Amino acid sequence: MALNKKGSRRIVVDGIGYLWRIRRKPSYAQGLCWTPMTYAVEAAGDQPGTTLIVTSGQAHPSNWVGVETEPIRPAHVAAGIREARDQGWNPTRVGSPFQLDRSAGFVTQS
């Protein structure tokens, strides 16, 4: 599955270009702060590869319950890319999305 280019941001990590994107609207569970925000990353270029799905430890900024959140910064994305590559993510190989959970410490709202 290719990442939608519209709304994607470009980042270069260790000399390799990537595109990353946060879903504009939260999912139902993210809107209620039951689950943390996720973002997707893939290698920039014409060849589709494996998409990286990173589960952050933060609430979606458009949540419906008013929980304050910090924005996902390019430094967070770069750290997630490096961690995923250390765990075996190969962005140029075709396959199922690679899941990276960085949500340790996320407290759900009830």
PDB file of N, CA and C in Angstrom:
ATOM      1  N   MET A   1       0.849  -1.173   0.000  1.00  0.00           N
ATOM      2  CA  MET A   1       0.000   0.000   0.000  1.00  0.00           C
ATOM      3  C   MET A   1       0.893   1.234   0.000  1.00  0.00           C
ATOM      4  N   ALA A   2       0.700   2.103  -0.950  1.00  0.00           N
ATOM      5  CA  ALA A   2       1.516   3.307  -1.060  1.00  0.00           C
ATOM      6  C   ALA A   2       0.912   4.434  -0.230  1.00  0.00           C
ATOM      7  N   LEU A   3       1.768   5.215   0.335  1.00  0.00           N
ATOM      8  CA  LEU A   3       1.366   6.366   1.137  1.00  0.00           C
ATOM      9  C   LEU A   3       0.862   7.465   0.218  1.00  0.00           C
ATOM     10  N   ASN A   4      -0.227   8.097   0.582  1.00  0.00           N
ATOM     11  CA  ASN A   4      -0.773   9.204  -0.195  1.00  0.00           C
ATOM     12  C   ASN A   4       0.235  10.350  -0.202  1.00  0.00           C
ATOM     13  N   LYS A   5       0.629  10.786  -1.377  1.00  0.00           N
ATOM     14  CA  LYS A   5       1.651  11.840  -1.476  1.00  0.00           C
ATOM     15  C   LYS A   5       1.121  13.192  -0.990  1.00  0.00           C
ATOM     16  N   LYS A   6      -0.169  13.439  -1.196  1.00  0.00           N
ATOM     17  CA  LYS A   6      -0.742  14.703  -0.761  1.00  0.00           C
ATOM     18  C   LYS A   6      -0.785  14.732   0.771  1.00  0.00           C
ATOM     19  N   GLY A   7      -0.195  15.751   1.332  1.00  0.00           N
ATOM     20  CA  GLY A   7      -0.153  15.883   2.787  1.00  0.00           C
ATOM     21  C   GLY A   7       1.031  15.203   3.438  1.00  0.00           C
ATOM     22  N   SER A   8       1.862  14.523   2.640  1.00  0.00           N
ATOM     23  CA  SER A   8       3.045  13.857   3.177  1.00  0.00           C
ATOM     24  C   SER A   8       4.179  14.861   3.328  1.00  0.00           C
ATOM     25  N   ARG A   9       5.046  14.586   4.272  1.00  0.00           N
ATOM     26  CA  ARG A   9       6.230  15.421   4.471  1.00  0.00           C
ATOM     27  C   ARG A   9       7.464  14.598   4.158  1.00  0.00           C
ATOM     28  N   ARG A  10       8.465  15.253   3.638  1.00  0.00           N
ATOM     29  CA  ARG A  10       9.720  14.581   3.283  1.00  0.00           C
ATOM     30  C   ARG A  10      10.713  14.740   4.421  1.00  0.00           C
ATOM     31  N   ILE A  11      11.482  13.672   4.651  1.00  0.00           N
ATOM     32  CA  ILE A  11      12.548  13.697   5.643  1.00  0.00           C
ATOM     33  C   ILE A  11      13.699  12.854   5.108  1.00  0.00           C
ATOM     34  N   VAL A  12      14.912  13.266   5.404  1.00  0.00           N
ATOM     35  CA  VAL A  12      16.095  12.502   5.018  1.00  0.00           C
ATOM     36  C   VAL A  12      16.765  12.018   6.294  1.00  0.00           C
ATOM     37  N   VAL A  13      16.927  10.709   6.396  1.00  0.00           N
ATOM     38  CA  VAL A  13      17.548  10.100   7.574  1.00  0.00           C
ATOM     39  C   VAL A  13      18.726   9.268   7.098  1.00  0.00           C
ATOM     40  N   ASP A  14      19.895   9.604   7.575  1.00  0.00           N
ATOM     41  CA  ASP A  14      21.130   8.903   7.210  1.00  0.00           C
ATOM     42  C   ASP A  14      21.302   8.810   5.694  1.00  0.00           C
ATOM     43  N   GLY A  15      20.967   9.898   4.992  1.00  0.00           N
ATOM     44  CA  GLY A  15      21.166   9.979   3.560  1.00  0.00           C
ATOM     45  C   GLY A  15      20.082   9.340   2.699  1.00  0.00           C
ATOM     46  N   ILE A  16      19.023   8.810   3.314  1.00  0.00           N
ATOM     47  CA  ILE A  16      17.939   8.156   2.575  1.00  0.00           C
ATOM     48  C   ILE A  16      16.669   8.988   2.743  1.00  0.00           C
ATOM     49  N   GLY A  17      15.966   9.247   1.641  1.00  0.00           N
ATOM     50  CA  GLY A  17      14.741  10.031   1.673  1.00  0.00           C
ATOM     51  C   GLY A  17      13.523   9.188   2.013  1.00  0.00           C
ATOM     52  N   TYR A  18      12.656   9.745   2.835  1.00  0.00           N
ATOM     53  CA  TYR A  18      11.410   9.089   3.242  1.00  0.00           C
ATOM     54  C   TYR A  18      10.278  10.102   3.151  1.00  0.00           C
ATOM     55  N   LEU A  19       9.061   9.582   3.083  1.00  0.00           N
ATOM     56  CA  LEU A  19       7.850  10.390   3.215  1.00  0.00           C
ATOM     57  C   LEU A  19       7.121   9.907   4.461  1.00  0.00           C
ATOM     58  N   TRP A  20       6.563  10.849   5.223  1.00  0.00           N
ATOM     59  CA  TRP A  20       5.790  10.461   6.399  1.00  0.00           C
ATOM     60  C   TRP A  20       4.520  11.284   6.465  1.00  0.00           C
ATOM     61  N   ARG A  21       3.522  10.697   7.109  1.00  0.00           N
ATOM     62  CA  ARG A  21       2.210  11.341   7.132  1.00  0.00           C
ATOM     63  C   ARG A  21       1.442  10.907   8.370  1.00  0.00           C
ATOM     64  N   ILE A  22       0.759  11.883   8.962  1.00  0.00           N
ATOM     65  CA  ILE A  22      -0.157  11.622  10.069  1.00  0.00           C
ATOM     66  C   ILE A  22      -1.565  11.736   9.527  1.00  0.00           C
ATOM     67  N   ARG A  23      -2.409  10.817   9.911  1.00  0.00           N
ATOM     68  CA  ARG A  23      -3.807  10.873   9.495  1.00  0.00           C
ATOM     69  C   ARG A  23      -4.432  12.162   9.998  1.00  0.00           C
ATOM     70  N   ARG A  24      -5.092  12.888   9.107  1.00  0.00           N
ATOM     71  CA  ARG A  24      -5.660  14.188   9.462  1.00  0.00           C
ATOM     72  C   ARG A  24      -6.711  14.080  10.555  1.00  0.00           C
ATOM     73  N   LYS A  25      -7.660  13.177  10.360  1.00  0.00           N
ATOM     74  CA  LYS A  25      -8.718  12.989  11.350  1.00  0.00           C
ATOM     75  C   LYS A  25      -8.385  11.782  12.212  1.00  0.00           C
ATOM     76  N   PRO A  26      -8.631  11.866  13.503  1.00  0.00           N
ATOM     77  CA  PRO A  26      -8.342  10.709  14.359  1.00  0.00           C
ATOM     78  C   PRO A  26      -9.347   9.592  14.105  1.00  0.00           C
ATOM     79  N   SER A  27      -8.902   8.367  14.341  1.00  0.00           N
ATOM     80  CA  SER A  27      -9.848   7.251  14.328  1.00  0.00           C
ATOM     81  C   SER A  27     -10.760   7.426  15.540  1.00  0.00           C
ATOM     82  N   TYR A  28     -11.809   6.635  15.631  1.00  0.00           N
ATOM     83  CA  TYR A  28     -12.743   6.751  16.759  1.00  0.00           C
ATOM     84  C   TYR A  28     -12.003   6.566  18.096  1.00  0.00           C
ATOM     85  N   ALA A  29     -11.183   5.516  18.167  1.00  0.00           N
ATOM     86  CA  ALA A  29     -10.445   5.242  19.410  1.00  0.00           C
ATOM     87  C   ALA A  29      -9.423   6.342  19.708  1.00  0.00           C
ATOM     88  N   GLN A  30      -8.805   6.907  18.678  1.00  0.00           N
ATOM     89  CA  GLN A  30      -7.854   8.001  18.895  1.00  0.00           C
ATOM     90  C   GLN A  30      -8.580   9.270  19.310  1.00  0.00           C
ATOM     91  N   GLY A  31      -9.762   9.505  18.750  1.00  0.00           N
ATOM     92  CA  GLY A  31     -10.547  10.682  19.107  1.00  0.00           C
ATOM     93  C   GLY A  31     -10.947  10.694  20.571  1.00  0.00           C
ATOM     94  N   LEU A  32     -11.181   9.503  21.115  1.00  0.00           N
ATOM     95  CA  LEU A  32     -11.544   9.386  22.529  1.00  0.00           C
ATOM     96  C   LEU A  32     -10.329   9.146  23.417  1.00  0.00           C
ATOM     97  N   CYS A  33      -9.140   9.146  22.830  1.00  0.00           N
ATOM     98  CA  CYS A  33      -7.867   8.936  23.539  1.00  0.00           C
ATOM     99  C   CYS A  33      -7.784   7.551  24.182  1.00  0.00           C
ATOM    100  N   TRP A  34      -8.405   6.577  23.540  1.00  0.00           N
ATOM    101  CA  TRP A  34      -8.275   5.196  23.992  1.00  0.00           C
ATOM    102  C   TRP A  34      -7.007   4.577  23.442  1.00  0.00           C
ATOM    103  N   THR A  35      -6.573   5.060  22.276  1.00  0.00           N
ATOM    104  CA  THR A  35      -5.343   4.577  21.654  1.00  0.00           C
ATOM    105  C   THR A  35      -4.512   5.783  21.227  1.00  0.00           C
ATOM    106  N   PRO A  36      -3.191   5.628  21.163  1.00  0.00           N
ATOM    107  CA  PRO A  36      -2.333   6.751  20.764  1.00  0.00           C
ATOM    108  C   PRO A  36      -2.349   6.985  19.258  1.00  0.00           C
ATOM    109  N   MET A  37      -1.828   8.120  18.877  1.00  0.00           N
ATOM    110  CA  MET A  37      -1.725   8.514  17.474  1.00  0.00           C
ATOM    111  C   MET A  37      -0.705   7.631  16.756  1.00  0.00           C
ATOM    112  N   THR A  38      -0.966   7.382  15.473  1.00  0.00           N
ATOM    113  CA  THR A  38      -0.028   6.650  14.633  1.00  0.00           C
ATOM    114  C   THR A  38       0.361   7.519  13.437  1.00  0.00           C
ATOM    115  N   TYR A  39       1.503   7.206  12.854  1.00  0.00           N
ATOM    116  CA  TYR A  39       1.883   7.851  11.600  1.00  0.00           C
ATOM    117  C   TYR A  39       2.561   6.814  10.716  1.00  0.00           C
ATOM    118  N   ALA A  40       2.529   7.071   9.417  1.00  0.00           N
ATOM    119  CA  ALA A  40       3.071   6.139   8.437  1.00  0.00           C
ATOM    120  C   ALA A  40       4.306   6.731   7.778  1.00  0.00           C
ATOM    121  N   VAL A  41       5.257   5.859   7.447  1.00  0.00           N
ATOM    122  CA  VAL A  41       6.508   6.258   6.802  1.00  0.00           C
ATOM    123  C   VAL A  41       6.787   5.273   5.675  1.00  0.00           C
ATOM    124  N   GLU A  42       7.291   5.773   4.565  1.00  0.00           N
ATOM    125  CA  GLU A  42       7.770   4.892   3.501  1.00  0.00           C
ATOM    126  C   GLU A  42       8.932   5.562   2.791  1.00  0.00           C
ATOM    127  N   ALA A  43       9.695   4.769   2.076  1.00  0.00           N
ATOM    128  CA  ALA A  43      10.826   5.292   1.310  1.00  0.00           C
ATOM    129  C   ALA A  43      10.297   6.181   0.197  1.00  0.00           C
ATOM    130  N   ALA A  44      10.946   7.300  -0.021  1.00  0.00           N
ATOM    131  CA  ALA A  44      10.568   8.190  -1.116  1.00  0.00           C
ATOM    132  C   ALA A  44      11.046   7.579  -2.429  1.00  0.00           C
ATOM    133  N   GLY A  45      10.289   7.768  -3.461  1.00  0.00           N
ATOM    134  CA  GLY A  45      10.668   7.228  -4.765  1.00  0.00           C
ATOM    135  C   GLY A  45       9.477   6.586  -5.443  1.00  0.00           C
ATOM    136  N   ASP A  46       9.741   6.038  -6.608  1.00  0.00           N
ATOM    137  CA  ASP A  46       8.669   5.463  -7.414  1.00  0.00           C
ATOM    138  C   ASP A  46       8.373   4.012  -7.073  1.00  0.00           C
ATOM    139  N   GLN A  47       9.319   3.308  -6.489  1.00  0.00           N
ATOM    140  CA  GLN A  47       9.127   1.904  -6.179  1.00  0.00           C
ATOM    141  C   GLN A  47       8.424   1.741  -4.831  1.00  0.00           C
ATOM    142  N   PRO A  48       7.244   1.103  -4.810  1.00  0.00           N
ATOM    143  CA  PRO A  48       6.580   0.874  -3.527  1.00  0.00           C
ATOM    144  C   PRO A  48       7.343  -0.166  -2.716  1.00  0.00           C
ATOM    145  N   GLY A  49       7.335   0.006  -1.434  1.00  0.00           N
ATOM    146  CA  GLY A  49       7.996  -0.930  -0.539  1.00  0.00           C
ATOM    147  C   GLY A  49       7.131  -1.150   0.679  1.00  0.00           C
ATOM    148  N   THR A  50       7.736  -1.569   1.749  1.00  0.00           N
ATOM    149  CA  THR A  50       7.012  -1.820   2.985  1.00  0.00           C
ATOM    150  C   THR A  50       6.788  -0.506   3.721  1.00  0.00           C
ATOM    151  N   THR A  51       5.556  -0.270   4.131  1.00  0.00           N
ATOM    152  CA  THR A  51       5.207   0.919   4.899  1.00  0.00           C
ATOM    153  C   THR A  51       5.491   0.657   6.372  1.00  0.00           C
ATOM    154  N   LEU A  52       6.039   1.643   7.037  1.00  0.00           N
ATOM    155  CA  LEU A  52       6.271   1.588   8.481  1.00  0.00           C
ATOM    156  C   LEU A  52       5.115   2.298   9.168  1.00  0.00           C
ATOM    157  N   ILE A  53       4.467   1.634  10.115  1.00  0.00           N
ATOM    158  CA  ILE A  53       3.402   2.235  10.918  1.00  0.00           C
ATOM    159  C   ILE A  53       3.942   2.387  12.336  1.00  0.00           C
ATOM    160  N   VAL A  54       4.086   3.630  12.788  1.00  0.00           N
ATOM    161  CA  VAL A  54       4.629   3.918  14.109  1.00  0.00           C
ATOM    162  C   VAL A  54       3.497   4.340  15.037  1.00  0.00           C
ATOM    163  N   THR A  55       3.362   3.640  16.142  1.00  0.00           N
ATOM    164  CA  THR A  55       2.411   4.016  17.177  1.00  0.00           C
ATOM    165  C   THR A  55       3.163   4.891  18.164  1.00  0.00           C
ATOM    166  N   SER A  56       2.773   6.156  18.234  1.00  0.00           N
ATOM    167  CA  SER A  56       3.467   7.104  19.115  1.00  0.00           C
ATOM    168  C   SER A  56       2.940   6.944  20.544  1.00  0.00           C
ATOM    169  N   GLY A  57       3.515   7.662  21.436  1.00  0.00           N
ATOM    170  CA  GLY A  57       3.055   7.659  22.814  1.00  0.00           C
ATOM    171  C   GLY A  57       2.218   8.879  23.133  1.00  0.00           C
ATOM    172  N   GLN A  58       1.637   9.506  22.106  1.00  0.00           N
ATOM    173  CA  GLN A  58       0.916  10.754  22.291  1.00  0.00           C
ATOM    174  C   GLN A  58      -0.509  10.645  21.758  1.00  0.00           C
ATOM    175  N   ALA A  59      -1.368  11.458  22.308  1.00  0.00           N
ATOM    176  CA  ALA A  59      -2.744  11.532  21.825  1.00  0.00           C
ATOM    177  C   ALA A  59      -2.769  12.291  20.502  1.00  0.00           C
ATOM    178  N   HIS A  60      -3.768  11.991  19.679  1.00  0.00           N
ATOM    179  CA  HIS A  60      -3.931  12.709  18.411  1.00  0.00           C
ATOM    180  C   HIS A  60      -4.287  14.160  18.728  1.00  0.00           C
ATOM    181  N   PRO A  61      -3.688  15.140  18.042  1.00  0.00           N
ATOM    182  CA  PRO A  61      -3.964  16.549  18.356  1.00  0.00           C
ATOM    183  C   PRO A  61      -5.418  16.958  18.116  1.00  0.00           C
ATOM    184  N   SER A  62      -6.148  16.211  17.301  1.00  0.00           N
ATOM    185  CA  SER A  62      -7.559  16.524  17.045  1.00  0.00           C
ATOM    186  C   SER A  62      -8.490  15.641  17.866  1.00  0.00           C
ATOM    187  N   ASN A  63      -8.028  15.205  19.046  1.00  0.00           N
ATOM    188  CA  ASN A  63      -8.880  14.344  19.870  1.00  0.00           C
ATOM    189  C   ASN A  63     -10.102  15.126  20.349  1.00  0.00           C
ATOM    190  N   TRP A  64     -11.139  14.394  20.711  1.00  0.00           N
ATOM    191  CA  TRP A  64     -12.437  14.999  21.027  1.00  0.00           C
ATOM    192  C   TRP A  64     -12.628  15.294  22.506  1.00  0.00           C
ATOM    193  N   VAL A  65     -11.668  14.907  23.342  1.00  0.00           N
ATOM    194  CA  VAL A  65     -11.848  15.081  24.780  1.00  0.00           C
ATOM    195  C   VAL A  65     -10.956  16.185  25.357  1.00  0.00           C
ATOM    196  N   GLY A  66     -10.232  16.876  24.495  1.00  0.00           N
ATOM    197  CA  GLY A  66      -9.453  18.035  24.937  1.00  0.00           C
ATOM    198  C   GLY A  66      -8.131  17.716  25.609  1.00  0.00           C
ATOM    199  N   VAL A  67      -7.605  16.518  25.412  1.00  0.00           N
ATOM    200  CA  VAL A  67      -6.313  16.168  25.994  1.00  0.00           C
ATOM    201  C   VAL A  67      -5.219  16.913  25.236  1.00  0.00           C
ATOM    202  N   GLU A  68      -4.354  17.586  25.974  1.00  0.00           N
ATOM    203  CA  GLU A  68      -3.249  18.305  25.337  1.00  0.00           C
ATOM    204  C   GLU A  68      -2.211  17.307  24.843  1.00  0.00           C
ATOM    205  N   THR A  69      -1.578  17.650  23.756  1.00  0.00           N
ATOM    206  CA  THR A  69      -0.594  16.758  23.154  1.00  0.00           C
ATOM    207  C   THR A  69       0.557  17.562  22.581  1.00  0.00           C
ATOM    208  N   GLU A  70       1.668  16.898  22.424  1.00  0.00           N
ATOM    209  CA  GLU A  70       2.834  17.498  21.780  1.00  0.00           C
ATOM    210  C   GLU A  70       2.816  17.108  20.314  1.00  0.00           C
ATOM    211  N   PRO A  71       3.248  17.982  19.419  1.00  0.00           N
ATOM    212  CA  PRO A  71       3.290  17.604  18.005  1.00  0.00           C
ATOM    213  C   PRO A  71       4.385  16.571  17.737  1.00  0.00           C
ATOM    214  N   ILE A  72       4.168  15.769  16.709  1.00  0.00           N
ATOM    215  CA  ILE A  72       5.209  14.851  16.249  1.00  0.00           C
ATOM    216  C   ILE A  72       6.184  15.689  15.422  1.00  0.00           C
ATOM    217  N   ARG A  73       7.412  15.724  15.845  1.00  0.00           N
ATOM    218  CA  ARG A  73       8.432  16.519  15.176  1.00  0.00           C
ATOM    219  C   ARG A  73       9.281  15.613  14.278  1.00  0.00           C
ATOM    220  N   PRO A  74       9.953  16.208  13.300  1.00  0.00           N
ATOM    221  CA  PRO A  74      10.823  15.399  12.439  1.00  0.00           C
ATOM    222  C   PRO A  74      11.863  14.583  13.218  1.00  0.00           C
ATOM    223  N   ALA A  75      12.334  15.091  14.343  1.00  0.00           N
ATOM    224  CA  ALA A  75      13.288  14.329  15.156  1.00  0.00           C
ATOM    225  C   ALA A  75      12.660  13.045  15.688  1.00  0.00           C
ATOM    226  N   HIS A  76      11.353  13.091  16.041  1.00  0.00           N
ATOM    227  CA  HIS A  76      10.653  11.880  16.488  1.00  0.00           C
ATOM    228  C   HIS A  76      10.553  10.871  15.347  1.00  0.00           C
ATOM    229  N   VAL A  77      10.242  11.378  14.166  1.00  0.00           N
ATOM    230  CA  VAL A  77      10.110  10.507  12.992  1.00  0.00           C
ATOM    231  C   VAL A  77      11.459   9.868  12.663  1.00  0.00           C
ATOM    232  N   ALA A  78      12.517  10.653  12.677  1.00  0.00           N
ATOM    233  CA  ALA A  78      13.855  10.125  12.384  1.00  0.00           C
ATOM    234  C   ALA A  78      14.246   9.046  13.395  1.00  0.00           C
ATOM    235  N   ALA A  79      13.958   9.273  14.663  1.00  0.00           N
ATOM    236  CA  ALA A  79      14.273   8.275  15.690  1.00  0.00           C
ATOM    237  C   ALA A  79      13.467   6.997  15.466  1.00  0.00           C
ATOM    238  N   GLY A  80      12.212   7.134  15.082  1.00  0.00           N
ATOM    239  CA  GLY A  80      11.380   5.967  14.796  1.00  0.00           C
ATOM    240  C   GLY A  80      11.899   5.180  13.594  1.00  0.00           C
ATOM    241  N   ILE A  81      12.334   5.892  12.562  1.00  0.00           N
ATOM    242  CA  ILE A  81      12.888   5.231  11.381  1.00  0.00           C
ATOM    243  C   ILE A  81      14.144   4.456  11.745  1.00  0.00           C
ATOM    244  N   ARG A  82      15.023   5.070  12.511  1.00  0.00           N
ATOM    245  CA  ARG A  82      16.259   4.384  12.913  1.00  0.00           C
ATOM    246  C   ARG A  82      15.960   3.151  13.764  1.00  0.00           C
ATOM    247  N   GLU A  83      15.024   3.287  14.694  1.00  0.00           N
ATOM    248  CA  GLU A  83      14.663   2.156  15.551  1.00  0.00           C
ATOM    249  C   GLU A  83      14.064   1.015  14.725  1.00  0.00           C
ATOM    250  N   ALA A  84      13.191   1.349  13.783  1.00  0.00           N
ATOM    251  CA  ALA A  84      12.568   0.323  12.942  1.00  0.00           C
ATOM    252  C   ALA A  84      13.615  -0.375  12.074  1.00  0.00           C
ATOM    253  N   ARG A  85      14.542   0.384  11.526  1.00  0.00           N
ATOM    254  CA  ARG A  85      15.593  -0.232  10.706  1.00  0.00           C
ATOM    255  C   ARG A  85      16.462  -1.148  11.555  1.00  0.00           C
ATOM    256  N   ASP A  86      16.733  -0.761  12.818  1.00  0.00           N
ATOM    257  CA  ASP A  86      17.490  -1.625  13.724  1.00  0.00           C
ATOM    258  C   ASP A  86      16.730  -2.916  14.026  1.00  0.00           C
ATOM    259  N   GLN A  87      15.391  -2.855  13.986  1.00  0.00           N
ATOM    260  CA  GLN A  87      14.562  -4.033  14.273  1.00  0.00           C
ATOM    261  C   GLN A  87      14.254  -4.852  13.019  1.00  0.00           C
ATOM    262  N   GLY A  88      14.788  -4.444  11.870  1.00  0.00           N
ATOM    263  CA  GLY A  88      14.642  -5.260  10.671  1.00  0.00           C
ATOM    264  C   GLY A  88      13.760  -4.703   9.573  1.00  0.00           C
ATOM    265  N   TRP A  89      13.248  -3.491   9.718  1.00  0.00           N
ATOM    266  CA  TRP A  89      12.429  -2.903   8.651  1.00  0.00           C
ATOM    267  C   TRP A  89      13.305  -2.571   7.460  1.00  0.00           C
ATOM    268  N   ASN A  90      12.918  -3.073   6.297  1.00  0.00           N
ATOM    269  CA  ASN A  90      13.600  -2.759   5.050  1.00  0.00           C
ATOM    270  C   ASN A  90      12.596  -2.018   4.179  1.00  0.00           C
ATOM    271  N   PRO A  91      12.714  -0.698   4.035  1.00  0.00           N
ATOM    272  CA  PRO A  91      11.707   0.083   3.326  1.00  0.00           C
ATOM    273  C   PRO A  91      11.616  -0.195   1.835  1.00  0.00           C
ATOM    274  N   THR A  92      12.596  -0.867   1.250  1.00  0.00           N
ATOM    275  CA  THR A  92      12.558  -1.123  -0.185  1.00  0.00           C
ATOM    276  C   THR A  92      11.993  -2.500  -0.521  1.00  0.00           C
ATOM    277  N   ARG A  93      11.819  -3.352   0.449  1.00  0.00           N
ATOM    278  CA  ARG A  93      11.281  -4.698   0.217  1.00  0.00           C
ATOM    279  C   ARG A  93       9.761  -4.642   0.286  1.00  0.00           C
ATOM    280  N   VAL A  94       9.104  -5.273  -0.656  1.00  0.00           N
ATOM    281  CA  VAL A  94       7.640  -5.312  -0.678  1.00  0.00           C
ATOM    282  C   VAL A  94       7.160  -6.301   0.373  1.00  0.00           C
ATOM    283  N   GLY A  95       6.106  -5.924   1.094  1.00  0.00           N
ATOM    284  CA  GLY A  95       5.553  -6.825   2.097  1.00  0.00           C
ATOM    285  C   GLY A  95       4.508  -6.131   2.938  1.00  0.00           C
ATOM    286  N   SER A  96       4.079  -6.807   3.974  1.00  0.00           N
ATOM    287  CA  SER A  96       3.087  -6.265   4.892  1.00  0.00           C
ATOM    288  C   SER A  96       3.674  -5.088   5.660  1.00  0.00           C
ATOM    289  N   PRO A  97       2.821  -4.169   6.126  1.00  0.00           N
ATOM    290  CA  PRO A  97       3.321  -3.040   6.908  1.00  0.00           C
ATOM    291  C   PRO A  97       4.105  -3.501   8.135  1.00  0.00           C
ATOM    292  N   PHE A  98       5.162  -2.784   8.432  1.00  0.00           N
ATOM    293  CA  PHE A  98       5.994  -3.061   9.593  1.00  0.00           C
ATOM    294  C   PHE A  98       5.480  -2.203  10.740  1.00  0.00           C
ATOM    295  N   GLN A  99       5.145  -2.835  11.856  1.00  0.00           N
ATOM    296  CA  GLN A  99       4.586  -2.124  13.012  1.00  0.00           C
ATOM    297  C   GLN A  99       5.695  -1.819  14.017  1.00  0.00           C
ATOM    298  N   LEU A 100       5.766  -0.566  14.462  1.00  0.00           N
ATOM    299  CA  LEU A 100       6.703  -0.161  15.503  1.00  0.00           C
ATOM    300  C   LEU A 100       5.913   0.521  16.606  1.00  0.00           C
ATOM    301  N   ASP A 101       5.936  -0.053  17.797  1.00  0.00           N
ATOM    302  CA  ASP A 101       5.174   0.491  18.922  1.00  0.00           C
ATOM    303  C   ASP A 101       6.101   1.290  19.831  1.00  0.00           C
ATOM    304  N   ARG A 102       5.895   2.602  19.852  1.00  0.00           N
ATOM    305  CA  ARG A 102       6.667   3.496  20.715  1.00  0.00           C
ATOM    306  C   ARG A 102       5.733   4.153  21.731  1.00  0.00           C
ATOM    307  N   SER A 103       4.676   3.436  22.132  1.00  0.00           N
ATOM    308  CA  SER A 103       3.632   4.014  22.974  1.00  0.00           C
ATOM    309  C   SER A 103       3.822   3.752  24.458  1.00  0.00           C
ATOM    310  N   ALA A 104       4.985   3.304  24.874  1.00  0.00           N
ATOM    311  CA  ALA A 104       5.212   3.053  26.296  1.00  0.00           C
ATOM    312  C   ALA A 104       4.929   4.326  27.097  1.00  0.00           C
ATOM    313  N   GLY A 105       4.101   4.214  28.094  1.00  0.00           N
ATOM    314  CA  GLY A 105       3.769   5.368  28.933  1.00  0.00           C
ATOM    315  C   GLY A 105       2.494   6.072  28.534  1.00  0.00           C
ATOM    316  N   PHE A 106       1.858   5.648  27.420  1.00  0.00           N
ATOM    317  CA  PHE A 106       0.592   6.275  27.012  1.00  0.00           C
ATOM    318  C   PHE A 106      -0.499   5.870  27.995  1.00  0.00           C
ATOM    319  N   VAL A 107      -1.209   6.865  28.528  1.00  0.00           N
ATOM    320  CA  VAL A 107      -2.284   6.614  29.481  1.00  0.00           C
ATOM    321  C   VAL A 107      -3.606   6.869  28.773  1.00  0.00           C
ATOM    322  N   THR A 108      -4.454   5.852  28.709  1.00  0.00           N
ATOM    323  CA  THR A 108      -5.750   5.999  28.041  1.00  0.00           C
ATOM    324  C   THR A 108      -6.675   6.844  28.893  1.00  0.00           C
ATOM    325  N   GLN A 109      -7.596   7.517  28.224  1.00  0.00           N
ATOM    326  CA  GLN A 109      -8.631   8.324  28.905  1.00  0.00           C
ATOM    327  C   GLN A 109      -9.872   7.468  29.065  1.00  0.00           C
ATOM    328  N   SER A 110     -10.559   7.633  30.193  1.00  0.00           N
ATOM    329  CA  SER A 110     -11.796   6.875  30.354  1.00  0.00           C
ATOM    330  C   SER A 110     -12.971   7.776  30.602  1.00  0.00           C
TER     331      SER A 110
END
